[in-house]
């Protein structure tokens, strides 16, 4: 029961059948842990993308999530969010440049929209990310359901944020969910968490460092 999303947990564990999603119910701003740097014991890393629809619509976001060994707290660390609002070729350029910067040991998760166009887009981008491990996600559940597992980890104070210029936007978006104007960062975070659960530890020969010289993972 404690692993359920906050709303279902309140209903089943506390008997609060009036519990509904709303401000702070899924990702309260006080639930996040805060870090000054990426810890040195990272064992796997995923960069998950959520693509914006148009140049004037929602932006494209890429969430970088680290997984630390079981038993340490916080086990999950959000270290960076890349953002672009532009036409498809600019989105593609950012995805490729970010993958190059993150390193080949970082899994790249990309969404596949329904229909033939979504399939063609994911296949084309995967081909251009040759040499990287690419996970294609096909979202089917409602957003609140998709967010549930990572929401539970945030509630348990098991998700840390490395302080940076992007953190305020993520915290505010999460606190307002699902009624806020944007939810693309939460979609990307949910995908990153799902993929990172089973992501392999990177090859030590592919050791890279994060911005500022901090280790992304340890040998």
Protein backbone atom coordinates (compact mmCIF):
# COMPACT_ATOMS: atom_id res chain seq x y z
CA UNK A 1 0.00 0.00 0.00
CA UNK A 2 2.79 2.42 0.82
CA UNK A 3 4.13 2.01 -2.74
CA UNK A 4 0.89 3.26 -4.30
CA UNK A 5 0.44 6.77 -5.60
CA UNK A 6 -0.63 9.26 -2.87
CA UNK A 7 -4.30 9.40 -3.90
CA UNK A 8 -4.86 5.63 -4.04
CA UNK A 9 -2.84 5.22 -0.85
CA UNK A 10 -5.02 7.75 0.98
CA UNK A 11 -8.14 5.95 -0.21
CA UNK A 12 -7.10 2.39 0.60
CA UNK A 13 -4.76 2.86 3.55
CA UNK A 14 -6.32 5.83 5.32
CA UNK A 15 -9.92 5.28 4.24
CA UNK A 16 -10.07 8.80 2.79
CA UNK A 17 -12.41 8.15 -0.11
CA UNK A 18 -12.72 11.87 -0.75
CA UNK A 19 -9.02 12.08 -1.65
CA UNK A 20 -8.51 13.43 -5.15
CA UNK A 21 -5.61 14.68 -7.20
CA UNK A 22 -4.95 18.36 -6.80
CA UNK A 23 -2.37 20.90 -5.78
CA UNK A 24 0.49 19.15 -4.04
CA UNK A 25 -1.32 15.81 -3.94
CA UNK A 26 0.97 13.99 -6.39
CA UNK A 27 4.28 15.88 -6.18
CA UNK A 28 4.22 18.22 -3.19
CA UNK A 29 7.04 20.73 -3.27
CA UNK A 30 8.14 19.68 0.24
CA UNK A 31 8.65 16.02 -0.72
CA UNK A 32 11.76 16.46 -2.86
CA UNK A 33 15.23 15.91 -1.42
CA UNK A 34 17.88 18.46 -2.36
CA UNK A 35 21.50 17.84 -3.36
CA UNK A 36 24.38 20.11 -4.24
CA UNK A 37 26.03 17.59 -6.56
CA UNK A 38 25.54 14.20 -8.15
CA UNK A 39 26.67 11.49 -5.68
CA UNK A 40 29.59 9.30 -6.68
CA UNK A 41 27.76 5.99 -6.35
CA UNK A 42 25.49 6.23 -9.42
CA UNK A 43 24.97 2.80 -10.98
CA UNK A 44 22.79 3.65 -14.02
CA UNK A 45 21.52 6.73 -15.85
CA UNK A 46 18.62 7.45 -18.22
CA UNK A 47 17.79 10.53 -20.28
CA UNK A 48 14.06 10.41 -21.10
CA UNK A 49 12.44 12.76 -23.60
CA UNK A 50 8.93 14.12 -23.95
CA UNK A 51 8.43 15.78 -27.33
CA UNK A 52 6.48 19.00 -27.74
CA UNK A 53 3.82 19.16 -30.41
CA UNK A 54 4.62 22.45 -32.19
CA UNK A 55 6.95 25.41 -32.04
CA UNK A 56 4.20 27.38 -30.29
CA UNK A 57 2.98 24.58 -28.00
CA UNK A 58 4.52 22.60 -25.18
CA UNK A 59 8.33 22.49 -25.18
CA UNK A 60 10.39 19.35 -25.61
CA UNK A 61 12.00 18.20 -22.37
CA UNK A 62 14.76 15.71 -21.61
CA UNK A 63 15.05 14.57 -17.98
CA UNK A 64 18.34 13.05 -16.78
CA UNK A 65 17.76 10.58 -13.95
CA UNK A 66 20.42 8.66 -12.01
CA UNK A 67 19.82 5.42 -10.11
CA UNK A 68 21.89 4.78 -7.01
CA UNK A 69 22.27 1.42 -5.20
CA UNK A 70 19.32 0.04 -3.28
CA UNK A 71 19.33 1.12 0.35
CA UNK A 72 20.78 4.61 -0.12
CA UNK A 73 18.61 7.72 0.16
CA UNK A 74 17.68 9.38 -2.08
CA UNK A 75 18.10 6.50 -4.50
CA UNK A 76 16.89 8.52 -7.50
CA UNK A 77 18.58 11.76 -8.53
CA UNK A 78 17.34 14.20 -11.17
CA UNK A 79 20.46 15.97 -12.37
CA UNK A 80 19.43 17.97 -15.44
CA UNK A 81 16.52 18.88 -17.70
CA UNK A 82 17.22 19.90 -21.30
CA UNK A 83 14.60 22.08 -22.98
CA UNK A 84 13.85 23.26 -26.50
CA UNK A 85 10.80 24.79 -28.14
CA UNK A 86 11.22 24.63 -31.88
CA UNK A 87 10.64 22.74 -35.13
CA UNK A 88 11.45 19.03 -35.47
CA UNK A 89 14.98 19.53 -36.79
CA UNK A 90 15.91 21.61 -33.73
CA UNK A 91 14.44 18.97 -31.42
CA UNK A 92 16.39 16.25 -33.20
CA UNK A 93 19.60 18.28 -32.99
CA UNK A 94 19.17 18.76 -29.24
CA UNK A 95 18.47 15.06 -28.65
CA UNK A 96 21.59 14.04 -30.57
CA UNK A 97 23.81 16.70 -28.99
CA UNK A 98 22.56 15.83 -25.51
CA UNK A 99 23.19 12.11 -26.08
CA UNK A 100 26.73 12.92 -27.17
CA UNK A 101 27.27 15.07 -24.08
CA UNK A 102 25.75 12.50 -21.69
CA UNK A 103 27.86 9.65 -23.07
CA UNK A 104 27.14 6.21 -24.49
CA UNK A 105 26.58 4.67 -21.10
CA UNK A 106 23.39 6.73 -20.66
CA UNK A 107 20.18 5.09 -21.90
CA UNK A 108 18.07 7.34 -24.16
CA UNK A 109 14.30 6.97 -23.78
CA UNK A 110 12.08 8.43 -26.49
CA UNK A 111 8.28 8.36 -26.75
CA UNK A 112 6.37 6.97 -29.70
CA UNK A 113 3.10 8.68 -30.51
CA UNK A 114 0.22 6.52 -31.77
CA UNK A 115 -0.07 5.93 -35.48
CA UNK A 116 2.27 5.52 -38.41
CA UNK A 117 3.74 9.01 -38.08
CA UNK A 118 4.81 8.31 -34.50
CA UNK A 119 6.40 5.02 -35.56
CA UNK A 120 8.28 6.66 -38.39
CA UNK A 121 9.57 9.43 -36.10
CA UNK A 122 10.83 7.01 -33.44
CA UNK A 123 12.50 4.77 -36.05
CA UNK A 124 14.22 7.70 -37.73
CA UNK A 125 15.51 9.12 -34.46
CA UNK A 126 16.66 5.72 -33.23
CA UNK A 127 18.64 5.28 -36.44
CA UNK A 128 20.34 8.64 -35.90
CA UNK A 129 21.28 7.60 -32.35
CA UNK A 130 23.31 4.64 -33.56
CA UNK A 131 25.78 3.54 -30.90
CA UNK A 132 23.47 4.49 -28.02
CA UNK A 133 21.03 2.29 -26.18
CA UNK A 134 17.59 3.65 -27.12
CA UNK A 135 14.37 2.63 -25.36
CA UNK A 136 11.15 3.47 -27.24
CA UNK A 137 8.17 4.06 -24.96
CA UNK A 138 4.55 3.81 -26.09
CA UNK A 139 2.48 5.60 -23.43
CA UNK A 140 -0.99 4.11 -23.08
CA UNK A 141 -2.15 4.73 -19.50
CA UNK A 142 -3.64 7.97 -18.19
CA UNK A 143 -1.07 10.48 -17.03
CA UNK A 144 -1.92 10.19 -13.32
CA UNK A 145 -1.47 6.41 -13.58
CA UNK A 146 1.86 6.82 -15.40
CA UNK A 147 3.08 9.23 -12.75
CA UNK A 148 2.04 6.98 -9.87
CA UNK A 149 5.27 4.98 -9.34
CA UNK A 150 7.61 7.97 -9.37
CA UNK A 151 5.10 10.01 -7.36
CA UNK A 152 5.35 7.37 -4.63
CA UNK A 153 9.14 7.67 -4.61
CA UNK A 154 8.94 11.46 -4.34
CA UNK A 155 6.44 11.10 -1.47
CA UNK A 156 8.94 8.80 0.30
CA UNK A 157 11.64 11.51 -0.01
CA UNK A 158 13.53 9.10 -2.23
CA UNK A 159 14.00 11.44 -5.22
CA UNK A 160 16.66 14.12 -5.05
CA UNK A 161 17.12 17.21 -7.21
CA UNK A 162 20.56 18.62 -7.94
CA UNK A 163 20.18 22.34 -7.46
CA UNK A 164 20.11 24.17 -10.78
CA UNK A 165 18.16 26.72 -12.84
CA UNK A 166 15.64 24.06 -13.98
CA UNK A 167 14.56 22.81 -10.53
CA UNK A 168 11.99 25.53 -9.80
CA UNK A 169 10.09 24.75 -12.98
CA UNK A 170 9.95 21.01 -12.21
CA UNK A 171 8.88 21.54 -8.60
CA UNK A 172 6.15 24.01 -9.58
CA UNK A 173 4.90 21.77 -12.39
CA UNK A 174 4.74 18.79 -10.06
CA UNK A 175 2.96 20.70 -7.29
CA UNK A 176 0.27 21.91 -9.72
CA UNK A 177 -0.27 18.50 -11.35
CA UNK A 178 -2.51 17.49 -12.95
CA UNK A 179 -4.22 20.89 -13.23
CA UNK A 180 -1.21 22.98 -14.22
CA UNK A 181 -0.58 24.39 -17.70
CA UNK A 182 2.26 21.96 -18.45
CA UNK A 183 3.12 18.37 -17.55
CA UNK A 184 5.88 17.47 -20.03
CA UNK A 185 8.60 17.29 -17.38
CA UNK A 186 6.52 14.87 -15.31
CA UNK A 187 5.90 12.68 -18.37
CA UNK A 188 9.63 12.53 -19.07
CA UNK A 189 10.41 11.88 -15.40
CA UNK A 190 7.91 9.00 -15.27
CA UNK A 191 9.46 7.41 -18.35
CA UNK A 192 12.99 7.91 -17.00
CA UNK A 193 12.01 6.18 -13.77
CA UNK A 194 10.39 3.22 -15.55
CA UNK A 195 13.42 2.69 -17.78
CA UNK A 196 15.97 3.26 -15.00
CA UNK A 197 14.40 0.55 -12.85
CA UNK A 198 15.91 -2.09 -15.14
CA UNK A 199 18.70 -0.15 -16.82
CA UNK A 200 22.08 -1.91 -16.74
CA UNK A 201 25.09 -0.37 -15.08
CA UNK A 202 27.35 1.21 -17.72
CA UNK A 203 30.57 -0.35 -18.93
CA UNK A 204 33.49 1.06 -16.87
CA UNK A 205 35.34 1.68 -20.14
CA UNK A 206 32.66 4.21 -21.03
CA UNK A 207 33.20 6.22 -17.84
CA UNK A 208 32.29 9.84 -18.32
CA UNK A 209 31.93 12.81 -16.01
CA UNK A 210 29.01 15.13 -15.56
CA UNK A 211 29.19 18.88 -15.87
CA UNK A 212 31.58 20.38 -13.42
CA UNK A 213 33.62 17.18 -13.18
CA UNK A 214 31.20 15.28 -10.97
CA UNK A 215 31.14 11.54 -11.63
CA UNK A 216 28.01 10.24 -13.34
CA UNK A 217 28.67 6.75 -12.11
CA UNK A 218 31.37 4.91 -10.23
CA UNK A 219 33.52 2.01 -11.23
